[in-house]
Structures are given as structure tokens and as C-alpha cells.
Protein backbone atom coordinates (compact mmCIF):
# COMPACT_ATOMS: atom_id res chain seq x y z
CA UNK A 1 -10.17 34.50 30.64
CA UNK A 2 -7.60 36.07 28.44
CA UNK A 3 -3.92 35.90 27.39
CA UNK A 4 -1.74 38.85 27.03
CA UNK A 5 1.71 39.56 25.77
CA UNK A 6 4.33 39.89 28.19
CA UNK A 7 5.82 42.87 26.32
CA UNK A 8 3.90 45.96 25.35
CA UNK A 9 2.90 45.89 21.74
CA UNK A 10 4.54 49.13 20.76
CA UNK A 11 7.89 48.50 22.27
CA UNK A 12 10.76 47.57 19.91
CA UNK A 13 11.26 43.75 19.36
CA UNK A 14 14.25 42.45 21.76
CA UNK A 15 17.62 41.76 19.99
CA UNK A 16 17.87 38.55 18.33
CA UNK A 17 20.39 35.94 20.40
CA UNK A 18 21.55 32.44 19.41
CA UNK A 19 19.83 30.10 19.79
CA UNK A 20 16.56 30.57 21.19
CA UNK A 21 15.79 33.96 19.78
CA UNK A 22 17.08 33.08 16.22
CA UNK A 23 15.06 29.92 16.11
CA UNK A 24 11.94 30.99 17.75
CA UNK A 25 11.84 34.48 18.65
CA UNK A 26 11.68 36.42 15.34
CA UNK A 27 7.86 36.86 15.39
CA UNK A 28 5.51 37.57 18.08
CA UNK A 29 2.04 36.89 18.44
CA UNK A 30 -0.94 37.50 21.20
CA UNK A 31 -3.73 34.74 22.07
CA UNK A 32 -7.14 35.52 23.47
CA UNK A 33 -8.46 32.44 25.27
CA UNK A 34 -12.24 32.02 25.34
CA UNK A 35 -13.31 30.15 28.71
CA UNK A 36 -15.89 27.44 28.89
CA UNK A 37 -19.26 28.32 31.03
CA UNK A 38 -17.65 27.29 34.09
CA UNK A 39 -14.40 29.01 33.50
CA UNK A 40 -12.40 25.99 34.22
CA UNK A 41 -11.29 25.14 30.51
CA UNK A 42 -10.64 27.00 27.01
CA UNK A 43 -13.48 26.48 24.46
CA UNK A 44 -11.81 28.67 21.86
CA UNK A 45 -8.68 30.81 21.13
CA UNK A 46 -7.99 33.78 18.75
CA UNK A 47 -4.26 34.57 17.41
CA UNK A 48 -2.97 37.69 16.20
CA UNK A 49 0.32 39.31 15.48
CA UNK A 50 1.38 41.26 18.71
CA UNK A 51 3.72 43.79 17.40
CA UNK A 52 3.63 46.29 14.50
CA UNK A 53 7.52 45.94 14.08
CA UNK A 54 8.97 44.45 11.05
CA UNK A 55 9.93 41.06 11.55
CA UNK A 56 14.04 41.22 12.27
CA UNK A 57 16.06 40.00 9.20
CA UNK A 58 18.45 36.89 10.35
CA UNK A 59 19.65 33.90 8.89
CA UNK A 60 18.72 30.53 10.43
CA UNK A 61 22.00 28.80 10.53
CA UNK A 62 20.18 25.24 9.81
CA UNK A 63 18.48 26.23 6.60
CA UNK A 64 19.68 25.81 2.74
CA UNK A 65 19.00 29.39 0.94
CA UNK A 66 18.32 29.19 -2.76
CA UNK A 67 18.79 32.32 -4.94
CA UNK A 68 15.70 33.90 -6.35
CA UNK A 69 15.19 35.46 -9.96
CA UNK A 70 15.71 38.86 -8.21
CA UNK A 71 19.22 37.62 -7.19
CA UNK A 72 18.55 37.69 -3.21
CA UNK A 73 18.12 34.42 -1.25
CA UNK A 74 15.32 32.43 0.45
CA UNK A 75 15.01 29.36 2.63
CA UNK A 76 14.52 26.27 0.33
CA UNK A 77 10.84 25.09 0.85
CA UNK A 78 10.14 21.51 2.70
CA UNK A 79 9.08 19.15 0.24
CA UNK A 80 7.85 15.92 1.61
CA UNK A 81 8.49 14.34 -1.66
CA UNK A 82 11.99 15.17 -2.05
CA UNK A 83 14.63 13.00 -0.72
CA UNK A 84 17.32 14.37 1.43
CA UNK A 85 20.07 13.21 -1.16
CA UNK A 86 18.28 15.52 -3.66
CA UNK A 87 20.10 18.65 -1.54
CA UNK A 88 23.48 17.25 -0.91
CA UNK A 89 25.24 19.39 -3.34
CA UNK A 90 23.80 22.30 -1.41
CA UNK A 91 25.64 21.05 1.74
CA UNK A 92 29.14 20.47 0.12
CA UNK A 93 29.59 23.47 -1.98
CA UNK A 94 31.08 26.42 0.01
CA UNK A 95 29.90 29.36 -2.18
CA UNK A 96 26.69 30.77 -3.97
CA UNK A 97 28.01 30.26 -7.61
CA UNK A 98 25.57 27.25 -8.08
CA UNK A 99 22.31 29.31 -6.81
CA UNK A 100 22.21 27.87 -3.33
CA UNK A 101 24.18 28.54 0.13
CA UNK A 102 24.73 25.70 2.65
CA UNK A 103 23.57 26.27 6.17
CA UNK A 104 25.91 28.28 8.43
CA UNK A 105 26.13 25.37 10.93
CA UNK A 106 28.06 23.51 8.41
CA UNK A 107 30.79 25.80 8.10
CA UNK A 108 34.04 25.61 9.96
CA UNK A 109 33.53 22.09 11.38
CA UNK A 110 36.94 20.20 12.61
CA UNK A 111 38.30 18.32 9.86
CA UNK A 112 38.93 15.72 12.14
CA UNK A 113 35.33 15.31 12.72
CA UNK A 114 33.52 15.54 9.27
CA UNK A 115 33.96 11.64 8.51
CA UNK A 116 31.94 10.81 11.59
CA UNK A 117 29.24 13.25 11.09
CA UNK A 118 25.63 12.78 9.41
CA UNK A 119 23.25 15.35 8.48
CA UNK A 120 19.71 15.05 9.75
CA UNK A 121 16.72 17.08 8.18
CA UNK A 122 13.20 17.61 9.95
CA UNK A 123 10.57 19.41 7.98
CA UNK A 124 6.64 19.63 7.41
CA UNK A 125 5.15 20.21 4.27
CA UNK A 126 2.28 22.55 4.31
CA UNK A 127 -0.12 23.85 2.07
CA UNK A 128 -1.06 27.92 1.40
CA UNK A 129 -3.52 27.50 4.42
CA UNK A 130 -0.98 26.24 6.77
CA UNK A 131 -2.31 22.92 6.83
CA UNK A 132 0.58 20.58 7.52
CA UNK A 133 0.27 17.61 4.93
CA UNK A 134 3.14 15.51 6.09
CA UNK A 135 5.96 15.62 8.87
CA UNK A 136 9.36 13.96 7.31
CA UNK A 137 12.89 13.09 8.77
CA UNK A 138 15.74 11.85 6.65
CA UNK A 139 19.33 11.00 7.57
CA UNK A 140 22.31 11.26 5.21
CA UNK A 141 24.96 9.06 5.08
CA UNK A 142 28.45 10.38 6.53
CA UNK A 143 29.04 12.79 3.23
CA UNK A 144 30.53 15.94 5.07
CA UNK A 145 34.03 14.59 4.55
CA UNK A 146 33.47 15.76 0.93
CA UNK A 147 33.03 19.52 1.54
CA UNK A 148 34.52 21.68 -1.29
CA UNK A 149 37.43 22.98 0.96
CA UNK A 150 38.33 19.15 2.08
CA UNK A 151 37.73 17.13 -1.31
CA UNK A 152 36.86 19.61 -4.05
CA UNK A 153 36.94 16.89 -6.51
CA UNK A 154 34.55 14.75 -4.82
CA UNK A 155 32.27 17.63 -4.07
CA UNK A 156 31.96 18.75 -7.63
CA UNK A 157 31.77 15.14 -8.70
CA UNK A 158 28.34 15.02 -6.57
CA UNK A 159 27.37 18.23 -8.03
CA UNK A 160 27.40 16.59 -11.41
CA UNK A 161 25.55 13.56 -10.38
CA UNK A 162 23.10 15.65 -8.62
CA UNK A 163 22.35 17.81 -11.87
CA UNK A 164 22.34 14.96 -14.31
CA UNK A 165 19.70 13.24 -11.94
CA UNK A 166 17.48 16.54 -11.50
CA UNK A 167 18.01 17.58 -15.38
CA UNK A 168 16.87 13.87 -16.29
CA UNK A 169 14.08 13.95 -13.83
CA UNK A 170 12.76 16.90 -15.49
CA UNK A 171 12.84 15.76 -18.72
CA UNK A 172 11.20 12.43 -17.69
CA UNK A 173 8.43 14.40 -16.47
CA UNK A 174 7.95 16.41 -19.62
CA UNK A 175 8.24 13.32 -21.83
CA UNK A 176 5.65 11.52 -20.06
CA UNK A 177 3.47 14.39 -20.38
CA UNK A 178 3.84 14.61 -24.16
CA UNK A 179 3.55 10.60 -24.26
CA UNK A 180 0.19 11.27 -22.50
CA UNK A 181 -1.04 14.02 -25.26
CA UNK A 182 0.06 12.06 -28.23
CA UNK A 183 -1.34 8.76 -26.90
CA UNK A 184 -4.89 10.36 -25.93
CA UNK A 185 -5.54 13.26 -27.88
CA UNK A 186 -6.39 12.36 -31.47
CA UNK A 187 -6.01 15.73 -32.77
CA UNK A 188 -2.43 15.80 -32.24
CA UNK A 189 0.31 14.72 -35.19
CA UNK A 190 1.88 11.57 -33.60
CA UNK A 191 5.02 12.07 -36.01
CA UNK A 192 8.35 12.57 -34.01
CA UNK A 193 9.15 16.12 -34.64
CA UNK A 194 5.52 17.55 -34.54
CA UNK A 195 4.78 20.35 -32.24
CA UNK A 196 2.58 19.51 -29.18
CA UNK A 197 1.20 21.97 -26.82
CA UNK A 198 0.90 20.86 -23.35
CA UNK A 199 -2.08 21.86 -21.04
CA UNK A 200 -0.21 22.31 -17.44
CA UNK A 201 -4.21 21.23 -15.78
CA UNK A 202 -3.91 17.79 -17.72
CA UNK A 203 -0.83 16.71 -17.23
CA UNK A 204 -2.30 12.81 -17.47
CA UNK A 205 -1.22 10.08 -14.80
CA UNK A 206 1.90 8.87 -16.58
CA UNK A 207 4.11 11.74 -15.20
CA UNK A 208 3.53 11.21 -11.81
CA UNK A 209 3.75 7.51 -12.17
CA UNK A 210 6.83 7.73 -13.70
CA UNK A 211 8.52 10.06 -11.24
CA UNK A 212 7.43 7.68 -8.44
CA UNK A 213 9.54 4.93 -9.76
CA UNK A 214 12.12 7.15 -10.78
CA UNK A 215 13.45 9.00 -8.08
CA UNK A 216 13.84 5.98 -5.65
CA UNK A 217 15.65 4.19 -8.61
CA UNK A 218 17.79 7.51 -9.03
CA UNK A 219 18.79 7.51 -5.60
CA UNK A 220 20.46 4.14 -5.79
CA UNK A 221 22.24 4.99 -8.99
CA UNK A 222 23.40 8.21 -7.41
CA UNK A 223 25.04 6.47 -4.49
CA UNK A 224 26.53 4.04 -6.73
CA UNK A 225 28.23 6.71 -8.63
CA UNK A 226 29.62 8.76 -5.91
CA UNK A 227 31.04 5.54 -4.21
CA UNK A 228 34.73 6.89 -3.38
CA UNK A 229 37.31 5.84 -5.86
CA UNK A 230 34.59 5.27 -8.55
CA UNK A 231 34.38 8.96 -9.68
CA UNK A 232 33.30 9.34 -13.39
CA UNK A 233 32.56 12.02 -16.04
CA UNK A 234 29.89 9.70 -17.56
CA UNK A 235 27.14 10.26 -15.18
CA UNK A 236 24.40 10.84 -17.71
CA UNK A 237 23.64 7.26 -18.76
CA UNK A 238 22.60 5.46 -15.24
CA UNK A 239 20.05 8.16 -14.81
CA UNK A 240 18.54 8.12 -18.41
CA UNK A 241 18.28 4.18 -17.95
CA UNK A 242 16.11 4.55 -14.82
CA UNK A 243 14.16 7.19 -16.32
CA UNK A 244 13.57 5.00 -19.69
CA UNK A 245 12.27 2.01 -17.08
CA UNK A 246 10.43 4.09 -14.99
CA UNK A 247 8.53 5.74 -18.42
CA UNK A 248 8.04 2.14 -19.51
CA UNK A 249 6.67 0.85 -15.95
CA UNK A 250 4.10 4.18 -16.09
CA UNK A 251 2.76 3.30 -19.38
CA UNK A 252 2.25 -0.15 -18.80
CA UNK A 253 2.44 -3.37 -20.76
CA UNK A 254 -1.21 -3.60 -21.48
CA UNK A 255 -1.16 -0.11 -23.39
CA UNK A 256 1.82 -0.77 -25.77
CA UNK A 257 -0.37 -2.64 -28.14
CA UNK A 258 -2.16 0.34 -29.18
CA UNK A 259 -0.49 2.23 -32.29
CA UNK A 260 -0.90 5.32 -30.94
CA UNK A 261 0.63 4.63 -27.42
CA UNK A 262 3.78 2.71 -29.20
CA UNK A 263 4.39 5.96 -31.12
CA UNK A 264 3.83 8.17 -28.16
CA UNK A 265 6.16 5.91 -25.98
CA UNK A 266 8.64 5.91 -29.08
CA UNK A 267 8.60 9.66 -29.09
CA UNK A 268 8.81 10.08 -25.17
CA UNK A 269 11.96 7.70 -25.11
CA UNK A 270 13.71 9.78 -27.74
CA UNK A 271 13.50 12.88 -25.76
CA UNK A 272 15.38 11.09 -23.08
CA UNK A 273 17.91 9.25 -25.20
CA UNK A 274 18.73 12.79 -26.69
CA UNK A 275 19.99 13.86 -23.24
CA UNK A 276 23.09 11.50 -23.94
CA UNK A 277 23.91 13.54 -27.01
CA UNK A 278 26.67 16.22 -26.33
CA UNK A 279 24.77 18.85 -28.06
CA UNK A 280 21.67 18.26 -26.00
CA UNK A 281 23.51 19.38 -22.71
CA UNK A 282 24.30 22.84 -21.45
């Protein structure tokens, strides 16, 4: 028993048409099915490429594209730990000046329909061996009415809020790693201005614990900041407050009596509070 390609493997690939071939027909595989002893069932299967032709280049109209360092674009990778609101700026801004391109499916939508539309995302997170680690689905509020062409002020306000949340989230990750290093490595100078060399393979538990607390609370702050009619340029403070609380929760009350932990916590909090100083933001 065996499977065979419906098209000879040396023939050119068929042209890509919408929607079927663009979404599912960009690659071709051949399957060999191994029969059971009685020939009634399949006991094994082998998959391989069924053409030597290079994949045809086409843009999936439902994907966000991110700019690479070489200037080209690639689809944004799925991340089961990343909430949909963290991609909203890429759904609203119309060009790639910010480093991403919104899905083509969101272009040229009827203006009267925008206030009624939501965005639903499906994805699956894989490791390097193509093993699915998590499937996820998320639906946004009715935010497409704030596309840049229709409400540029709101679109860019959402971008500012998004940037603040991401920047402070990155700083929290760094600060928590610094705190763990200072608290647990007796060879490190705990003074506020001393240099600390981090080890990528030894981040400690505080960073992941802090981020697990930060992002849900940051989402609440994000939606509060983006309520229509409440736009403000002071968007950093709410996220810094959330990050400080997340850091304290990650360190835990029991550890704070230790003088070295107290110094590490003070240093990490200082790294977060520094983001409220205009000279530290670019």
C-alpha cells in the first residue's frame, strides 16, 4: 500500500490562487503508507518533500510581518505566552515605519463596519522539532475603529502604551535577574552602581515569576489607558507600578529580611523607577 502524488514531482508547482492554495498549497509532500500484515490498516507512514521546486513566495493575508535585521520581513512567530493585546499596535498602524506590517486582510475594510469588528487569532506554539507545545485562541475587543487611517491619534496612543508596556516588561526581566544574582552570589558587589555580569543559563526564578505576574496586570493597565476619551501622554507610571508590585511578589515577603536580598530588591526597584526619568527613555 502506498500513497502517490497526484502531480508528477518534476512538474512546476501550480499557480497560487486565493484562498485555498495561498493558505494550504505553498508546499507539497509525498506520503508512503505502510500496510499492516492483513493489508486492512496502516501501521506506519513516511512523509517527504514531493517536489524539487523552491516554495513560492506569497504573503499570507492574515499574518503580521516583522522586520528582520537585514531589512526584510518575516511572519511573527506564535507564542502561547504572549497575549493578543500585545500585538494591537501592529493591527492598527498602516505602514512599516514601526518595524511591522499589519495583515493585508485588515486593509480597506468598510469604515462603517470597523466599530463592529473584532480580531480573533489562532496559533500553535512549536519547539524546534515541530512538536506542538500549546494551541491557543484569543479575541480582541472592537479595536479596528482605531486604525490609523480613521483615528490616527488613538492609534498612536495605543502604540505609546504598547511600547511602554514592552519596554518596562523587558526592564523587569533584567532587574529581576540582577536582583537574583546580587542576592545569591556572594562574589557580587551589592552596591547600587557596581557592575553585575549576568549568566544567560542561570537567570534565577525571580524573572519568570515576576513576568508571570506582570503581564496580566499590565493588560488591565493597558485597557484602562486606552479607554476612549482618556488618552494621556503619561503612560509609563501605571506599568512601572505594576512591575514594582510583580517584582515584590516574585521575591516574596519571607526573603526580604535577608540584608542581601533587601539590597538586591532596592537595586532592582531603582532600575525600574529610572524609566520614569526622561533622560533614560529614547
